[in-house]
Amino acid sequence: MITPVSLTIDEALFRQLHTHLFPGDGDEHGAVLTAGIAQSSRGTRLLACDLLLARNGKEYVPGTRGYRALTAQFVVEASDYCAREHLCYLAIHCHGGSNWVEFSADDLASHERGYPALLDITHGGPIGALVFAPNAVAGDIWTPQGHFALSHVTVVGSRVRRLYPSLCTRPRPVDPIYDRHARLFGDVGQEVLTGLKVGIIGLGGGGSLINEWLARLGVGHIVAVDFDRVDITNLPRIVGATRRDALTMLTRSRFPWLRKLGKRLARHKVTVARGVAAQANPHIRYEGVIGNILDEAVAHRLTDVDFLFLASDSMQSRVVFNALVHQYLIPGVQIGAKVWAPGGKINEIHVATRPILPSPAGGCLWCNQAISPTKLAEEALNEGERRAQRYIEGDAAGNDVEEPSVITLNALSAAQAANDLMMMFTGLYHEDVVLSHQLGFVRERTLSAIESQYTEQCLDCGVTNRSRRARGDRTRLPCRVP
């Protein structure tokens, strides 16, 4: 077990649990939470999957050595389910109070009596217990290597918040450079941003803007992924890129071998983005990954981020991004700008900002038809196969025609996405705000909110045991086989 140990739960599941534990009768109530697991150098995250509610007088009854306890039958059925599904077993109950909570001596004694056997039943767990007060939570997590205190619970919704065993002490005053930030969301908000680890997939027009904005917001850790190099045609859209980065003296040469050499030696977009971020925030921790999100080793670099941006055009990257969001309970947003220009005539221009929360009906790209199976199949073909099937129209010489792209269009979707991160983590969004997908029609100067769709059988966000939601490390991501 890698410490610290925390629990991540989506807002809808947390509300269901909170309503069950605190119905207003002042009594103690119980439940079992099943969870996936994700481990990285940042620690161990338990990922809330399903909630099994115990009814007072039925499955949660007066105890022989404590006030109340789950019945043996309820524990056996829940632990057997966890063993079959490779999930963690977490017993839950509530105590009085409000802003702090801890286990009683009877609670801890019951763990010592029962949890070694539960570890055997669940094939090594982890298993554990959580005790809640309205604004606090404590946990005792058991593994074959020992047991560990839960550090905190992260509740992921339109406002991302954390619960601890007791209210936290006041943060240190922020660096004077962030004084104007603190006037908006306080020292606490700036401390939250500094503690974030954020992933960015794609560093073109939209991704390079987000990269700089996050650094200027004071985000403490960025993991940026892109395999591409700077080219003269994308210089107007990549923040910080220069002609020297694109090696235009070589790539515009009349000699083909020099042009080829220039393209091979041009700087990677990741390298440019690292310099931009460091200039904006010299204290930032920056991981620049030159690679493709479709490769499993690259995708796993993002499994422990706090928020994830997708600024890549491909359908395949959307598939992996959507899986990361739901499998590891990471909130994220997909951005893009599209110019429809059949025959070279501008028809339609739209920009999209698609926030996705890791919960049923949270904006899943599959459920909301933002992943096209036809285009996904097209991307799986090689260049010759695509041309043979005429998936991509070209010019008279048979060359692919690049779509129009302008950085100001990228900025429309990127700005809303960056604001979503800021507002969610600093608590500025209203509690009941709906993070709907937004589609902007630029030529008409209109903005539409898209009502979220949801399919219970969805393999990413669905509620069946075939779904990858909250399964963490114990399920493979939909990446290319090495």
Protein backbone atom coordinates (compact mmCIF):
# COMPACT_ATOMS: atom_id res chain seq x y z
CA MET A 1 0.00 0.00 0.00
CA ILE A 2 1.38 3.37 -1.06
CA THR A 3 0.56 6.19 1.36
CA PRO A 4 -1.22 8.51 1.76
CA VAL A 5 -4.53 6.68 1.29
CA SER A 6 -7.61 8.61 0.18
CA LEU A 7 -11.10 7.97 -1.21
CA THR A 8 -12.63 9.61 -4.30
CA ILE A 9 -16.41 9.59 -4.70
CA ASP A 10 -18.69 11.31 -7.20
CA GLU A 11 -21.17 13.91 -5.94
CA ALA A 12 -24.32 11.90 -6.76
CA LEU A 13 -23.12 8.82 -4.85
CA PHE A 14 -21.94 10.98 -1.95
CA ARG A 15 -25.35 12.68 -1.68
CA GLN A 16 -27.05 9.29 -1.62
CA LEU A 17 -24.72 8.14 1.17
CA HIS A 18 -25.05 11.40 3.12
CA THR A 19 -28.85 11.29 2.93
CA HIS A 20 -28.82 7.72 4.24
CA LEU A 21 -26.45 8.48 7.13
CA PHE A 22 -28.06 11.75 8.19
CA PRO A 23 -31.83 11.61 7.61
CA GLY A 24 -32.45 13.95 10.57
CA ASP A 25 -33.28 11.38 13.25
CA GLY A 26 -29.97 11.76 15.11
CA ASP A 27 -29.47 7.98 15.04
CA GLU A 28 -26.58 5.88 13.74
CA HIS A 29 -26.86 4.31 10.28
CA GLY A 30 -24.70 1.92 8.26
CA ALA A 31 -23.75 0.92 4.71
CA VAL A 32 -21.03 -0.72 2.65
CA LEU A 33 -19.17 1.08 -0.11
CA THR A 34 -17.38 -0.94 -2.82
CA ALA A 35 -14.36 0.67 -4.44
CA GLY A 36 -11.70 0.24 -7.07
CA ILE A 37 -8.09 1.07 -6.37
CA ALA A 38 -5.43 3.20 -8.07
CA GLN A 39 -1.84 3.49 -6.90
CA SER A 40 0.90 5.89 -7.98
CA SER A 41 3.78 7.84 -6.50
CA ARG A 42 1.19 10.29 -5.08
CA GLY A 43 -0.35 7.54 -2.93
CA THR A 44 -3.30 5.15 -3.03
CA ARG A 45 -6.75 6.27 -4.11
CA LEU A 46 -9.82 4.17 -3.36
CA LEU A 47 -12.45 4.83 -6.05
CA ALA A 48 -16.07 4.66 -4.90
CA CYS A 49 -18.04 2.33 -7.15
CA ASP A 50 -21.28 1.02 -5.61
CA LEU A 51 -23.21 1.79 -2.43
CA LEU A 52 -24.98 -0.98 -0.49
CA LEU A 53 -27.36 0.60 2.05
CA ALA A 54 -28.13 -1.24 5.29
CA ARG A 55 -31.60 -0.75 6.76
CA ASN A 56 -31.87 -0.11 10.49
CA GLY A 57 -33.42 -3.11 12.19
CA LYS A 58 -32.83 -5.30 9.12
CA GLU A 59 -29.16 -5.26 8.04
CA TYR A 60 -27.96 -2.74 10.66
CA VAL A 61 -28.98 -3.99 14.10
CA PRO A 62 -28.12 -3.54 17.80
CA GLY A 63 -24.61 -4.89 18.41
CA THR A 64 -23.44 -7.28 21.12
CA ARG A 65 -20.26 -5.27 21.84
CA GLY A 66 -21.20 -1.87 20.43
CA TYR A 67 -24.21 0.30 19.72
CA ARG A 68 -25.02 -1.12 16.27
CA ALA A 69 -23.45 -3.47 13.73
CA LEU A 70 -23.98 -4.82 10.23
CA THR A 71 -25.51 -8.30 10.24
CA ALA A 72 -23.25 -11.23 9.44
CA GLN A 73 -25.34 -12.10 6.37
CA PHE A 74 -25.04 -8.56 4.98
CA VAL A 75 -21.25 -8.57 5.52
CA VAL A 76 -20.85 -11.99 3.87
CA GLU A 77 -22.89 -11.02 0.79
CA ALA A 78 -21.12 -7.68 0.40
CA SER A 79 -17.62 -9.12 0.87
CA ASP A 80 -18.36 -12.00 -1.54
CA TYR A 81 -19.47 -9.46 -4.14
CA CYS A 82 -16.22 -7.49 -3.65
CA ALA A 83 -14.17 -10.67 -4.03
CA ARG A 84 -15.92 -11.60 -7.29
CA GLU A 85 -15.64 -8.12 -8.77
CA HIS A 86 -12.07 -7.42 -7.51
CA LEU A 87 -13.30 -4.45 -5.49
CA CYS A 88 -12.42 -3.09 -2.06
CA TYR A 89 -14.88 -3.47 0.86
CA LEU A 90 -15.52 -0.39 3.04
CA ALA A 91 -17.97 -0.55 5.97
CA ILE A 92 -19.54 2.80 6.81
CA HIS A 93 -21.41 4.27 9.76
CA CYS A 94 -21.95 7.72 11.26
CA HIS A 95 -21.34 9.46 14.58
CA GLY A 96 -22.66 12.65 16.12
CA GLY A 97 -20.90 15.98 15.99
CA SER A 98 -20.36 18.06 12.90
CA ASN A 99 -16.83 19.17 12.01
CA TRP A 100 -14.71 16.34 13.42
CA VAL A 101 -15.04 12.59 13.84
CA GLU A 102 -13.08 9.55 15.05
CA PHE A 103 -13.64 5.84 15.66
CA SER A 104 -14.72 4.69 19.10
CA ALA A 105 -12.78 2.08 21.05
CA ASP A 106 -15.55 -0.42 20.26
CA ASP A 107 -15.19 0.36 16.54
CA LEU A 108 -11.44 -0.26 16.56
CA ALA A 109 -11.84 -3.48 18.57
CA SER A 110 -14.37 -4.78 16.03
CA HIS A 111 -11.87 -4.12 13.24
CA GLU A 112 -9.23 -6.15 15.05
CA ARG A 113 -11.68 -9.05 15.46
CA GLY A 114 -13.19 -9.16 12.00
CA TYR A 115 -10.93 -7.61 9.41
CA PRO A 116 -8.22 -10.32 9.22
CA ALA A 117 -10.93 -12.78 8.13
CA LEU A 118 -12.42 -10.28 5.67
CA LEU A 119 -8.98 -9.84 4.10
CA ASP A 120 -8.94 -13.57 3.40
CA ILE A 121 -12.47 -13.54 1.97
CA THR A 122 -11.68 -10.64 -0.37
CA HIS A 123 -8.30 -12.08 -1.44
CA GLY A 124 -6.27 -9.37 0.25
CA GLY A 125 -8.67 -6.45 -0.08
CA PRO A 126 -7.95 -3.72 0.72
CA ILE A 127 -10.85 -3.50 3.14
CA GLY A 128 -11.67 -0.97 5.81
CA ALA A 129 -14.11 1.23 7.63
CA LEU A 130 -15.22 4.85 7.33
CA VAL A 131 -16.99 6.89 9.99
CA PHE A 132 -18.75 10.11 8.97
CA ALA A 133 -19.92 13.28 10.65
CA PRO A 134 -21.80 15.80 8.48
CA ASN A 135 -18.60 17.69 7.60
CA ALA A 136 -15.86 15.19 8.42
CA VAL A 137 -14.71 11.62 7.80
CA ALA A 138 -12.13 9.24 9.25
CA GLY A 139 -11.04 5.88 7.86
CA ASP A 140 -9.16 2.75 8.89
CA ILE A 141 -7.88 0.85 5.82
CA TRP A 142 -6.53 -2.72 6.13
CA THR A 143 -4.20 -4.61 3.79
CA PRO A 144 -2.09 -7.75 4.25
CA GLN A 145 0.87 -5.44 4.91
CA GLY A 146 -0.84 -3.51 7.74
CA HIS A 147 -3.54 -0.91 8.26
CA PHE A 148 -3.50 2.78 7.48
CA ALA A 149 -5.46 5.90 8.34
CA LEU A 150 -7.47 7.50 5.55
CA SER A 151 -6.08 10.96 4.79
CA HIS A 152 -9.19 12.49 3.20
CA VAL A 153 -12.22 12.01 0.95
CA THR A 154 -12.49 13.91 -2.36
CA VAL A 155 -16.04 14.58 -3.57
CA VAL A 156 -16.11 15.20 -7.33
CA GLY A 157 -18.94 17.32 -8.69
CA SER A 158 -19.47 20.81 -10.05
CA ARG A 159 -17.53 21.82 -6.94
CA VAL A 160 -14.64 19.55 -6.00
CA ARG A 161 -14.17 19.44 -2.22
CA ARG A 162 -12.34 17.46 0.41
CA LEU A 163 -13.41 16.11 3.80
CA TYR A 164 -10.92 15.38 6.60
CA PRO A 165 -11.21 13.93 10.13
CA SER A 166 -11.36 17.52 11.37
CA LEU A 167 -11.46 20.99 9.88
CA CYS A 168 -8.10 22.02 8.43
CA THR A 169 -5.99 24.83 9.84
CA ARG A 170 -5.81 28.13 8.02
CA PRO A 171 -3.51 28.13 4.99
CA ARG A 172 -0.32 30.11 4.79
CA PRO A 173 -0.60 33.53 3.11
CA VAL A 174 -0.10 33.24 -0.62
CA ASP A 175 2.84 34.56 -2.59
CA PRO A 176 2.23 38.30 -3.29
CA ILE A 177 2.29 37.52 -7.01
CA TYR A 178 -1.11 35.85 -6.57
CA ASP A 179 -2.65 38.68 -4.54
CA ARG A 180 -5.29 39.46 -7.17
CA HIS A 181 -6.19 35.76 -7.38
CA ALA A 182 -6.66 35.57 -3.61
CA ARG A 183 -9.05 38.51 -3.77
CA LEU A 184 -11.31 36.27 -5.88
CA PHE A 185 -11.02 32.85 -4.23
CA GLY A 186 -8.91 33.49 -1.12
CA ASP A 187 -5.68 32.02 0.18
CA VAL A 188 -7.41 28.65 0.47
CA GLY A 189 -8.33 28.68 -3.21
CA GLN A 190 -4.80 29.54 -4.29
CA GLU A 191 -3.39 26.81 -2.06
CA VAL A 192 -5.78 24.32 -3.70
CA LEU A 193 -4.61 25.33 -7.19
CA THR A 194 -0.97 25.05 -6.15
CA GLY A 195 -1.60 21.51 -4.92
CA LEU A 196 -3.23 20.34 -8.17
CA LYS A 197 -1.74 17.93 -10.68
CA VAL A 198 -3.35 18.56 -14.07
CA GLY A 199 -3.02 16.63 -17.33
CA ILE A 200 -3.18 18.10 -20.84
CA ILE A 201 -3.50 15.86 -23.89
CA GLY A 202 -2.52 17.78 -27.02
CA LEU A 203 -0.51 21.01 -27.18
CA GLY A 204 -1.79 22.59 -30.38
CA GLY A 205 -3.87 25.77 -30.46
CA GLY A 206 -6.20 24.97 -27.54
CA GLY A 207 -3.77 22.89 -25.48
CA SER A 208 -0.96 25.45 -25.65
CA LEU A 209 -3.32 28.17 -24.42
CA ILE A 210 -4.49 26.02 -21.51
CA ASN A 211 -0.88 25.16 -20.71
CA GLU A 212 0.06 28.82 -20.23
CA TRP A 213 -3.13 29.74 -18.38
CA LEU A 214 -2.72 26.93 -15.86
CA ALA A 215 0.84 27.98 -15.15
CA ARG A 216 -0.28 31.58 -14.60
CA LEU A 217 -3.10 30.41 -12.34
CA GLY A 218 -0.44 28.86 -10.12
CA VAL A 219 -1.24 25.18 -10.77
CA GLY A 220 1.65 23.35 -9.15
CA HIS A 221 2.09 20.30 -11.41
CA ILE A 222 1.35 19.78 -15.11
CA VAL A 223 1.66 16.58 -17.14
CA ALA A 224 1.51 17.46 -20.85
CA VAL A 225 1.33 14.83 -23.62
CA ASP A 226 1.99 15.34 -27.33
CA PHE A 227 4.08 13.46 -29.90
CA ASP A 228 4.16 16.19 -32.57
CA ARG A 229 6.79 18.78 -33.50
CA VAL A 230 6.41 22.46 -34.30
CA ASP A 231 5.75 23.13 -37.98
CA ILE A 232 5.60 26.41 -39.87
CA THR A 233 1.87 25.90 -40.49
CA ASN A 234 1.04 25.73 -36.77
CA LEU A 235 3.27 28.60 -35.60
CA PRO A 236 0.30 31.02 -35.44
CA ARG A 237 -1.56 28.66 -33.07
CA ILE A 238 1.09 27.44 -30.63
CA VAL A 239 1.79 29.79 -27.73
CA GLY A 240 5.52 30.51 -27.43
CA ALA A 241 6.55 28.82 -30.70
CA THR A 242 9.01 30.61 -33.01
CA ARG A 243 10.38 30.14 -36.50
CA ARG A 244 13.55 28.88 -34.89
CA ASP A 245 11.55 26.11 -33.15
CA ALA A 246 10.14 25.11 -36.54
CA LEU A 247 13.60 25.31 -38.19
CA THR A 248 12.10 27.24 -41.06
CA MET A 249 15.55 27.92 -42.55
CA LEU A 250 15.70 24.19 -43.29
CA THR A 251 12.05 23.28 -43.84
CA ARG A 252 11.68 26.04 -46.48
CA SER A 253 14.85 25.09 -48.31
CA ARG A 254 14.70 24.24 -52.01
CA PHE A 255 16.55 21.04 -51.22
CA PRO A 256 14.24 18.13 -50.27
CA TRP A 257 16.80 16.49 -47.99
CA LEU A 258 17.16 19.72 -45.98
CA ARG A 259 13.38 20.04 -45.68
CA LYS A 260 13.19 16.47 -44.42
CA LEU A 261 16.00 17.08 -41.94
CA GLY A 262 14.30 20.23 -40.68
CA LYS A 263 11.05 18.38 -39.96
CA ARG A 264 12.94 15.67 -38.08
CA LEU A 265 14.86 18.17 -35.92
CA ALA A 266 12.16 20.76 -35.21
CA ARG A 267 11.36 21.17 -31.51
CA HIS A 268 8.59 19.12 -29.99
CA LYS A 269 5.48 21.01 -28.91
CA VAL A 270 6.00 19.61 -25.42
CA THR A 271 9.42 21.28 -25.20
CA VAL A 272 7.97 24.64 -26.21
CA ALA A 273 5.11 24.25 -23.72
CA ARG A 274 7.54 23.46 -20.90
CA GLY A 275 9.40 26.71 -21.55
CA VAL A 276 6.18 28.73 -21.61
CA ALA A 277 4.99 27.23 -18.32
CA ALA A 278 8.35 27.76 -16.60
CA GLN A 279 8.42 31.39 -17.69
CA ALA A 280 4.94 31.93 -16.26
CA ASN A 281 5.63 30.02 -13.03
CA PRO A 282 9.31 29.24 -12.21
CA HIS A 283 8.21 26.95 -9.34
CA ILE A 284 6.01 24.68 -11.45
CA ARG A 285 6.68 20.95 -11.64
CA TYR A 286 6.42 20.03 -15.30
CA GLU A 287 6.30 16.60 -16.90
CA GLY A 288 6.53 16.86 -20.66
CA VAL A 289 5.69 13.52 -22.25
CA ILE A 290 6.70 13.10 -25.88
CA GLY A 291 4.34 10.30 -26.79
CA ASN A 292 0.88 9.22 -27.86
CA ILE A 293 -2.01 8.89 -25.43
CA LEU A 294 -3.00 5.72 -27.29
CA ASP A 295 0.05 3.96 -25.82
CA GLU A 296 -0.66 2.36 -22.46
CA ALA A 297 2.54 3.54 -20.77
CA VAL A 298 1.77 7.14 -21.74
CA ALA A 299 -1.88 6.95 -20.65
CA HIS A 300 -0.82 5.62 -17.24
CA ARG A 301 1.15 8.83 -16.67
CA LEU A 302 -2.27 10.50 -16.28
CA THR A 303 -4.09 8.11 -13.96
CA ASP A 304 -3.38 10.16 -10.83
CA VAL A 305 -4.07 13.70 -12.09
CA ASP A 306 -6.75 15.82 -10.40
CA PHE A 307 -8.16 17.15 -13.67
CA LEU A 308 -7.69 16.25 -17.33
CA PHE A 309 -7.93 18.36 -20.50
CA LEU A 310 -8.30 16.79 -23.93
CA ALA A 311 -7.21 19.17 -26.69
CA SER A 312 -6.52 16.55 -29.35
CA ASP A 313 -8.59 16.09 -32.50
CA SER A 314 -8.69 12.31 -32.89
CA MET A 315 -11.54 9.99 -31.96
CA GLN A 316 -9.05 7.46 -30.59
CA SER A 317 -7.75 10.02 -28.08
CA ARG A 318 -11.36 10.72 -27.04
CA VAL A 319 -11.84 7.00 -26.32
CA VAL A 320 -8.80 6.85 -24.01
CA PHE A 321 -9.62 10.20 -22.38
CA ASN A 322 -13.21 9.13 -21.66
CA ALA A 323 -11.95 5.88 -20.15
CA LEU A 324 -9.45 7.69 -17.91
CA VAL A 325 -12.19 10.01 -16.60
CA HIS A 326 -14.53 7.19 -15.61
CA GLN A 327 -12.10 4.42 -14.69
CA TYR A 328 -10.07 6.66 -12.37
CA LEU A 329 -12.79 9.15 -11.32
CA ILE A 330 -10.94 12.15 -12.78
CA PRO A 331 -13.06 15.16 -13.84
CA GLY A 332 -12.10 16.49 -17.23
CA VAL A 333 -13.10 18.51 -20.27
CA GLN A 334 -12.75 17.99 -24.00
CA ILE A 335 -12.32 21.05 -26.19
CA GLY A 336 -12.27 21.64 -29.92
CA ALA A 337 -13.01 23.96 -32.82
CA LYS A 338 -14.40 22.77 -36.14
CA VAL A 339 -14.63 24.60 -39.45
CA TRP A 340 -16.79 22.93 -42.08
CA ALA A 341 -15.52 23.97 -45.51
CA PRO A 342 -16.75 21.59 -48.21
CA GLY A 343 -15.18 22.45 -51.54
CA GLY A 344 -13.21 25.24 -49.89
CA LYS A 345 -16.34 27.27 -49.06
CA ILE A 346 -16.88 28.10 -45.38
CA ASN A 347 -20.17 26.60 -44.30
CA GLU A 348 -20.22 26.33 -40.52
CA ILE A 349 -17.87 27.19 -37.63
CA HIS A 350 -18.47 25.80 -34.18
CA VAL A 351 -16.49 25.41 -30.97
CA ALA A 352 -17.17 22.81 -28.29
CA THR A 353 -16.46 22.65 -24.57
CA ARG A 354 -17.52 19.31 -23.10
CA PRO A 355 -17.03 18.97 -19.31
CA ILE A 356 -17.22 15.37 -18.09
CA LEU A 357 -17.78 14.32 -14.50
CA PRO A 358 -16.96 10.69 -13.62
CA SER A 359 -20.50 9.62 -12.80
CA PRO A 360 -23.60 8.31 -14.57
CA ALA A 361 -25.12 11.15 -16.62
CA GLY A 362 -21.94 13.18 -16.06
CA GLY A 363 -21.38 13.99 -19.74
CA CYS A 364 -19.79 10.76 -21.03
CA LEU A 365 -18.54 11.23 -24.62
CA TRP A 366 -19.92 7.86 -25.69
CA CYS A 367 -23.40 8.49 -24.28
CA ASN A 368 -23.51 11.97 -25.78
CA GLN A 369 -22.42 10.80 -29.25
CA ALA A 370 -19.20 12.80 -29.22
CA ILE A 371 -17.28 9.71 -30.35
CA SER A 372 -18.09 8.70 -33.91
CA PRO A 373 -17.72 4.95 -34.57
CA THR A 374 -17.31 5.70 -38.29
CA LYS A 375 -14.43 8.14 -37.72
CA LEU A 376 -12.97 5.79 -35.14
CA ALA A 377 -12.85 3.03 -37.74
CA GLU A 378 -11.36 5.47 -40.25
CA GLU A 379 -8.51 6.37 -37.89
CA ALA A 380 -7.68 2.69 -37.45
CA LEU A 381 -6.83 2.43 -41.18
CA ASN A 382 -3.44 3.32 -42.61
CA GLU A 383 -3.05 6.17 -45.09
CA GLY A 384 -3.37 3.96 -48.16
CA GLU A 385 -6.51 2.27 -46.84
CA ARG A 386 -8.13 5.62 -46.04
CA ARG A 387 -7.56 6.94 -49.54
CA ALA A 388 -8.74 3.69 -51.11
CA GLN A 389 -12.02 3.94 -49.18
CA ARG A 390 -12.24 7.72 -49.80
CA TYR A 391 -12.68 8.60 -46.16
CA ILE A 392 -10.53 11.70 -46.68
CA GLU A 393 -11.01 13.95 -49.66
CA GLY A 394 -7.83 15.36 -51.18
CA ASP A 395 -6.74 17.85 -53.79
CA ALA A 396 -6.09 17.06 -57.43
CA ALA A 397 -2.61 15.78 -56.62
CA GLY A 398 -3.96 13.33 -54.04
CA ASN A 399 -2.73 15.25 -51.00
CA ASP A 400 -4.81 15.47 -47.84
CA VAL A 401 -6.46 18.85 -47.33
CA GLU A 402 -5.91 20.32 -43.88
CA GLU A 403 -8.92 21.91 -42.20
CA PRO A 404 -8.89 25.66 -41.42
CA SER A 405 -7.77 26.51 -37.87
CA VAL A 406 -7.34 29.83 -36.06
CA ILE A 407 -6.14 30.36 -32.47
CA THR A 408 -8.99 32.74 -31.61
CA LEU A 409 -11.46 29.90 -32.25
CA ASN A 410 -9.40 27.60 -30.03
CA ALA A 411 -9.49 30.28 -27.34
CA LEU A 412 -13.30 30.27 -27.21
CA SER A 413 -13.48 26.66 -26.05
CA ALA A 414 -10.21 26.67 -24.07
CA ALA A 415 -11.17 29.69 -21.94
CA GLN A 416 -14.41 28.07 -20.73
CA ALA A 417 -12.54 24.83 -19.99
CA ALA A 418 -9.85 26.59 -17.95
CA ASN A 419 -12.50 28.52 -16.06
CA ASP A 420 -14.31 25.25 -15.32
CA LEU A 421 -11.20 23.96 -13.55
CA MET A 422 -10.72 27.18 -11.60
CA MET A 423 -14.37 27.48 -10.55
CA MET A 424 -14.76 23.80 -9.63
CA PHE A 425 -11.70 23.57 -7.39
CA THR A 426 -12.03 26.95 -5.69
CA GLY A 427 -15.72 26.42 -4.91
CA LEU A 428 -16.99 29.41 -6.88
CA TYR A 429 -19.60 27.52 -8.87
CA HIS A 430 -23.07 27.39 -7.35
CA GLU A 431 -23.72 24.03 -5.72
CA ASP A 432 -26.48 23.14 -8.18
CA VAL A 433 -24.76 24.36 -11.37
CA VAL A 434 -25.01 21.92 -14.28
CA LEU A 435 -21.79 21.43 -16.24
CA SER A 436 -23.50 20.85 -19.56
CA HIS A 437 -21.71 20.50 -22.86
CA GLN A 438 -21.57 23.83 -24.70
CA LEU A 439 -21.59 24.29 -28.44
CA GLY A 440 -20.84 27.73 -29.85
CA PHE A 441 -21.93 28.63 -33.37
CA VAL A 442 -19.45 31.33 -34.26
CA ARG A 443 -20.99 32.70 -37.45
CA GLU A 444 -24.37 33.08 -35.73
CA ARG A 445 -22.72 34.28 -32.48
CA THR A 446 -24.88 31.91 -30.42
CA LEU A 447 -24.12 29.47 -27.62
CA SER A 448 -26.14 26.32 -26.92
CA ALA A 449 -26.14 24.07 -23.86
CA ILE A 450 -26.53 20.40 -24.78
CA GLU A 451 -28.70 18.29 -22.48
CA SER A 452 -26.69 15.36 -21.17
CA GLN A 453 -27.59 11.84 -22.31
CA TYR A 454 -26.97 8.64 -20.36
CA THR A 455 -27.12 4.91 -21.10
CA GLU A 456 -27.14 2.51 -18.15
CA GLN A 457 -25.37 -0.15 -20.21
CA CYS A 458 -22.49 2.17 -21.20
CA LEU A 459 -19.16 0.41 -20.74
CA ASP A 460 -17.50 3.61 -19.48
CA CYS A 461 -20.02 5.35 -17.21
CA GLY A 462 -22.78 2.74 -16.79
CA VAL A 463 -23.95 1.12 -13.57
CA THR A 464 -23.57 -2.53 -14.62
CA ASN A 465 -20.65 -4.68 -13.49
CA ARG A 466 -19.35 -4.61 -17.08
CA SER A 467 -18.62 -0.89 -16.79
CA ARG A 468 -15.07 0.35 -16.20
CA ARG A 469 -16.34 3.14 -13.92
CA ALA A 470 -14.22 3.37 -10.73
CA ARG A 471 -12.36 0.12 -11.48
CA GLY A 472 -8.94 1.80 -11.46
CA ASP A 473 -5.82 -0.30 -11.88
CA ARG A 474 -7.71 -3.60 -11.99
CA THR A 475 -9.06 -2.93 -15.50
CA ARG A 476 -7.09 -2.31 -18.70
CA LEU A 477 -7.40 1.02 -20.47
CA PRO A 478 -8.50 0.88 -24.15
CA CYS A 479 -5.00 1.56 -25.43
CA ARG A 480 -2.91 -0.02 -28.16
CA VAL A 481 -1.34 -3.33 -27.21
CA PRO A 482 2.44 -2.83 -26.74
